Amino acid sequence: MIQFKGFTLIESLIVLSVVSLFVLLPIFAIDKYQKHIEVAAFCGRLEKGLYTAQQTAIIDQRQTRVAYTSGTEPAVHFQSTITGELRLSSIEVPEQLEVRSFPTILFSSGSGNNSSFPRIILFWPEKEQTITYKFLFGSGRYEKIIE
């Protein structure tokens, strides 16, 4: 009598399902992690954009403006108010964030100061966090506060 050595159909299906599980679990984790990275990248680009707009006002002796536009694709725009040209690319606001307050910010030519001391307030519903950018008068920088 001839005996065949190998795996049965049930054993093969069990191994296939376990391997599939190990492949699919990281995909779900990566999706959630990617959303967190989008928010962190937006905050980093916003901070860099605010700093660059302020430095452009000082160095180029031009008033610069940072403005938010809402709509189907909300975005933050950085531009020079004299020429109207975009000095940086616009930043799209990720869908994970809600913009609670984003007043137009004007940086004075030569000094880079703004007289209104606006606060930028963003809300992240998934983490129930409020991200606030507050202008610090003494240093002329924006401070990020997460509550």
C-alpha atoms as a PDB file:
ATOM      1  CA  MET A   1       0.000   0.000   0.000  1.00  0.00           C
ATOM      2  CA  ILE A   2       1.315   3.435  -0.956  1.00  0.00           C
ATOM      3  CA  GLN A   3       1.184   6.170   1.694  1.00  0.00           C
ATOM      4  CA  PHE A   4       1.301   9.804   0.656  1.00  0.00           C
ATOM      5  CA  LYS A   5       3.027  12.216   2.969  1.00  0.00           C
ATOM      6  CA  GLY A   6       1.860  15.817   3.107  1.00  0.00           C
ATOM      7  CA  PHE A   7      -0.652  18.195   4.599  1.00  0.00           C
ATOM      8  CA  THR A   8      -4.387  17.756   4.545  1.00  0.00           C
ATOM      9  CA  LEU A   9      -6.724  20.350   3.106  1.00  0.00           C
ATOM     10  CA  ILE A  10      -7.828  21.476   6.577  1.00  0.00           C
ATOM     11  CA  GLU A  11      -4.255  21.966   7.761  1.00  0.00           C
ATOM     12  CA  SER A  12      -3.430  23.992   4.660  1.00  0.00           C
ATOM     13  CA  LEU A  13      -6.489  26.231   5.163  1.00  0.00           C
ATOM     14  CA  ILE A  14      -5.599  26.858   8.804  1.00  0.00           C
ATOM     15  CA  VAL A  15      -2.064  27.885   7.877  1.00  0.00           C
ATOM     16  CA  LEU A  16      -3.398  30.124   5.080  1.00  0.00           C
ATOM     17  CA  SER A  17      -5.841  31.870   7.439  1.00  0.00           C
ATOM     18  CA  VAL A  18      -3.140  32.459  10.086  1.00  0.00           C
ATOM     19  CA  VAL A  19      -0.746  33.903   7.490  1.00  0.00           C
ATOM     20  CA  SER A  20      -3.541  36.116   6.102  1.00  0.00           C
ATOM     21  CA  LEU A  21      -4.259  37.403   9.594  1.00  0.00           C
ATOM     22  CA  PHE A  22      -0.604  38.360  10.091  1.00  0.00           C
ATOM     23  CA  VAL A  23      -0.640  40.205   6.766  1.00  0.00           C
ATOM     24  CA  LEU A  24      -3.907  42.108   7.359  1.00  0.00           C
ATOM     25  CA  LEU A  25      -3.322  43.304  10.930  1.00  0.00           C
ATOM     26  CA  PRO A  26      -0.505  45.723  10.046  1.00  0.00           C
ATOM     27  CA  ILE A  27      -2.602  47.208   7.231  1.00  0.00           C
ATOM     28  CA  PHE A  28      -5.239  48.380   9.718  1.00  0.00           C
ATOM     29  CA  ALA A  29      -2.577  49.701  12.096  1.00  0.00           C
ATOM     30  CA  ILE A  30      -0.830  51.566   9.271  1.00  0.00           C
ATOM     31  CA  ASP A  31      -4.074  53.283   8.244  1.00  0.00           C
ATOM     32  CA  LYS A  32      -4.624  54.663  11.748  1.00  0.00           C
ATOM     33  CA  TYR A  33      -0.960  55.632  12.067  1.00  0.00           C
ATOM     34  CA  GLN A  34      -1.092  57.411   8.693  1.00  0.00           C
ATOM     35  CA  LYS A  35      -3.932  59.668   9.918  1.00  0.00           C
ATOM     36  CA  HIS A  36      -1.856  60.675  12.932  1.00  0.00           C
ATOM     37  CA  ILE A  37       1.122  61.394  10.686  1.00  0.00           C
ATOM     38  CA  GLU A  38      -1.028  63.626   8.430  1.00  0.00           C
ATOM     39  CA  VAL A  39      -2.056  65.774  11.386  1.00  0.00           C
ATOM     40  CA  ALA A  40       1.499  65.978  12.733  1.00  0.00           C
ATOM     41  CA  ALA A  41       2.825  66.884   9.270  1.00  0.00           C
ATOM     42  CA  PHE A  42       0.180  69.595   8.878  1.00  0.00           C
ATOM     43  CA  CYS A  43       1.096  71.109  12.253  1.00  0.00           C
ATOM     44  CA  GLY A  44       4.788  71.037  11.361  1.00  0.00           C
ATOM     45  CA  ARG A  45       4.201  72.677   7.981  1.00  0.00           C
ATOM     46  CA  LEU A  46       1.936  75.299   9.575  1.00  0.00           C
ATOM     47  CA  GLU A  47       4.611  76.200  12.137  1.00  0.00           C
ATOM     48  CA  LYS A  48       7.275  76.384   9.437  1.00  0.00           C
ATOM     49  CA  GLY A  49       4.979  78.455   7.209  1.00  0.00           C
ATOM     50  CA  LEU A  50       4.235  80.948   9.978  1.00  0.00           C
ATOM     51  CA  TYR A  51       7.939  81.302  10.705  1.00  0.00           C
ATOM     52  CA  THR A  52       8.803  81.712   7.004  1.00  0.00           C
ATOM     53  CA  ALA A  53       6.066  84.310   6.481  1.00  0.00           C
ATOM     54  CA  GLN A  54       7.360  86.269   9.471  1.00  0.00           C
ATOM     55  CA  GLN A  55      10.971  86.068   8.268  1.00  0.00           C
ATOM     56  CA  THR A  56       9.925  87.102   4.742  1.00  0.00           C
ATOM     57  CA  ALA A  57       8.284  90.216   6.188  1.00  0.00           C
ATOM     58  CA  ILE A  58      11.501  91.083   8.014  1.00  0.00           C
ATOM     59  CA  ILE A  59      14.016  90.314   5.279  1.00  0.00           C
ATOM     60  CA  ASP A  60      12.096  91.436   2.158  1.00  0.00           C
ATOM     61  CA  GLN A  61      10.598  94.492   3.907  1.00  0.00           C
ATOM     62  CA  ARG A  62       7.119  93.404   2.764  1.00  0.00           C
ATOM     63  CA  GLN A  63       3.960  92.791   4.685  1.00  0.00           C
ATOM     64  CA  THR A  64       3.016  89.114   4.504  1.00  0.00           C
ATOM     65  CA  ARG A  65      -0.329  87.467   5.125  1.00  0.00           C
ATOM     66  CA  VAL A  66      -1.429  84.045   6.287  1.00  0.00           C
ATOM     67  CA  ALA A  67      -5.064  83.289   5.480  1.00  0.00           C
ATOM     68  CA  TYR A  68      -7.396  80.320   5.843  1.00  0.00           C
ATOM     69  CA  THR A  69      -9.983  79.410   3.244  1.00  0.00           C
ATOM     70  CA  SER A  70     -12.796  77.022   4.063  1.00  0.00           C
ATOM     71  CA  GLY A  71     -14.901  75.085   1.592  1.00  0.00           C
ATOM     72  CA  THR A  72     -14.653  71.695  -0.056  1.00  0.00           C
ATOM     73  CA  GLU A  73     -10.862  71.704   0.300  1.00  0.00           C
ATOM     74  CA  PRO A  74      -9.908  73.891   3.287  1.00  0.00           C
ATOM     75  CA  ALA A  75      -6.377  75.256   3.072  1.00  0.00           C
ATOM     76  CA  VAL A  76      -3.944  77.750   4.590  1.00  0.00           C
ATOM     77  CA  HIS A  77      -2.311  80.215   2.182  1.00  0.00           C
ATOM     78  CA  PHE A  78       0.882  82.204   2.679  1.00  0.00           C
ATOM     79  CA  GLN A  79       1.361  85.306   0.525  1.00  0.00           C
ATOM     80  CA  SER A  80       2.959  88.713   0.215  1.00  0.00           C
ATOM     81  CA  THR A  81       0.358  91.482   0.442  1.00  0.00           C
ATOM     82  CA  ILE A  82       2.239  93.865  -1.847  1.00  0.00           C
ATOM     83  CA  THR A  83       2.635  91.573  -4.833  1.00  0.00           C
ATOM     84  CA  GLY A  84      -0.048  89.013  -3.970  1.00  0.00           C
ATOM     85  CA  GLU A  85       2.300  86.231  -4.979  1.00  0.00           C
ATOM     86  CA  LEU A  86       2.388  82.968  -3.087  1.00  0.00           C
ATOM     87  CA  ARG A  87       5.689  82.666  -1.265  1.00  0.00           C
ATOM     88  CA  LEU A  88       4.995  79.117  -0.111  1.00  0.00           C
ATOM     89  CA  SER A  89       2.699  76.436  -1.367  1.00  0.00           C
ATOM     90  CA  SER A  90      -0.701  76.296   0.233  1.00  0.00           C
ATOM     91  CA  ILE A  91      -1.258  73.693   2.929  1.00  0.00           C
ATOM     92  CA  GLU A  92      -4.402  71.584   2.806  1.00  0.00           C
ATOM     93  CA  VAL A  93      -6.037  71.020   6.191  1.00  0.00           C
ATOM     94  CA  PRO A  94      -6.428  67.274   6.864  1.00  0.00           C
ATOM     95  CA  GLU A  95      -9.972  66.017   7.213  1.00  0.00           C
ATOM     96  CA  GLN A  96      -9.179  64.790  10.741  1.00  0.00           C
ATOM     97  CA  LEU A  97      -8.940  68.396  11.984  1.00  0.00           C
ATOM     98  CA  GLU A  98     -11.686  70.940  12.542  1.00  0.00           C
ATOM     99  CA  VAL A  99     -10.634  74.575  12.298  1.00  0.00           C
ATOM    100  CA  ARG A 100     -12.319  76.421  15.170  1.00  0.00           C
ATOM    101  CA  SER A 101     -10.563  79.763  14.712  1.00  0.00           C
ATOM    102  CA  PHE A 102      -8.091  80.931  12.083  1.00  0.00           C
ATOM    103  CA  PRO A 103      -8.057  84.710  11.690  1.00  0.00           C
ATOM    104  CA  THR A 104      -6.041  86.295   8.894  1.00  0.00           C
ATOM    105  CA  ILE A 105      -2.556  87.062  10.192  1.00  0.00           C
ATOM    106  CA  LEU A 106      -0.599  90.054   8.892  1.00  0.00           C
ATOM    107  CA  PHE A 107       3.126  90.323   9.596  1.00  0.00           C
ATOM    108  CA  SER A 108       4.449  93.915   9.456  1.00  0.00           C
ATOM    109  CA  SER A 109       7.171  94.712   6.967  1.00  0.00           C
ATOM    110  CA  GLY A 110      10.561  95.187   8.557  1.00  0.00           C
ATOM    111  CA  SER A 111       9.681  93.983  12.051  1.00  0.00           C
ATOM    112  CA  GLY A 112       7.636  90.814  11.420  1.00  0.00           C
ATOM    113  CA  ASN A 113       5.293  91.692  14.281  1.00  0.00           C
ATOM    114  CA  ASN A 114       1.540  91.370  14.190  1.00  0.00           C
ATOM    115  CA  SER A 115      -0.562  93.733  16.247  1.00  0.00           C
ATOM    116  CA  SER A 116      -3.663  91.617  16.773  1.00  0.00           C
ATOM    117  CA  PHE A 117      -2.060  88.594  18.519  1.00  0.00           C
ATOM    118  CA  PRO A 118      -4.429  86.113  16.881  1.00  0.00           C
ATOM    119  CA  ARG A 119      -4.878  82.561  18.108  1.00  0.00           C
ATOM    120  CA  ILE A 120      -5.206  79.658  15.744  1.00  0.00           C
ATOM    121  CA  ILE A 121      -7.450  76.991  17.239  1.00  0.00           C
ATOM    122  CA  LEU A 122      -7.753  73.508  15.745  1.00  0.00           C
ATOM    123  CA  PHE A 123      -9.767  70.603  17.146  1.00  0.00           C
ATOM    124  CA  TRP A 124      -8.918  66.929  16.638  1.00  0.00           C
ATOM    125  CA  PRO A 125     -12.154  64.996  17.380  1.00  0.00           C
ATOM    126  CA  GLU A 126     -10.562  61.546  17.213  1.00  0.00           C
ATOM    127  CA  LYS A 127      -8.248  62.349  20.141  1.00  0.00           C
ATOM    128  CA  GLU A 128     -10.515  65.023  21.647  1.00  0.00           C
ATOM    129  CA  GLN A 129      -7.600  67.444  21.639  1.00  0.00           C
ATOM    130  CA  THR A 130      -7.526  71.172  21.041  1.00  0.00           C
ATOM    131  CA  ILE A 131      -4.386  72.447  19.332  1.00  0.00           C
ATOM    132  CA  THR A 132      -3.842  76.165  19.852  1.00  0.00           C
ATOM    133  CA  TYR A 133      -1.154  78.359  18.344  1.00  0.00           C
ATOM    134  CA  LYS A 134      -0.635  81.488  20.423  1.00  0.00           C
ATOM    135  CA  PHE A 135       1.605  84.414  19.430  1.00  0.00           C
ATOM    136  CA  LEU A 136       4.249  85.168  22.061  1.00  0.00           C
ATOM    137  CA  PHE A 137       4.902  88.879  22.229  1.00  0.00           C
ATOM    138  CA  GLY A 138       8.425  88.766  23.650  1.00  0.00           C
ATOM    139  CA  SER A 139       9.930  86.244  21.239  1.00  0.00           C
ATOM    140  CA  GLY A 140       7.686  86.906  18.249  1.00  0.00           C
ATOM    141  CA  ARG A 141       7.070  83.183  17.805  1.00  0.00           C
ATOM    142  CA  TYR A 142       3.986  81.028  17.917  1.00  0.00           C
ATOM    143  CA  GLU A 143       3.635  78.586  20.791  1.00  0.00           C
ATOM    144  CA  LYS A 144       1.822  75.307  20.230  1.00  0.00           C
ATOM    145  CA  ILE A 145      -0.472  74.306  23.109  1.00  0.00           C
ATOM    146  CA  ILE A 146      -2.181  70.904  23.123  1.00  0.00           C
ATOM    147  CA  GLU A 147      -5.035  70.486  25.573  1.00  0.00           C
END
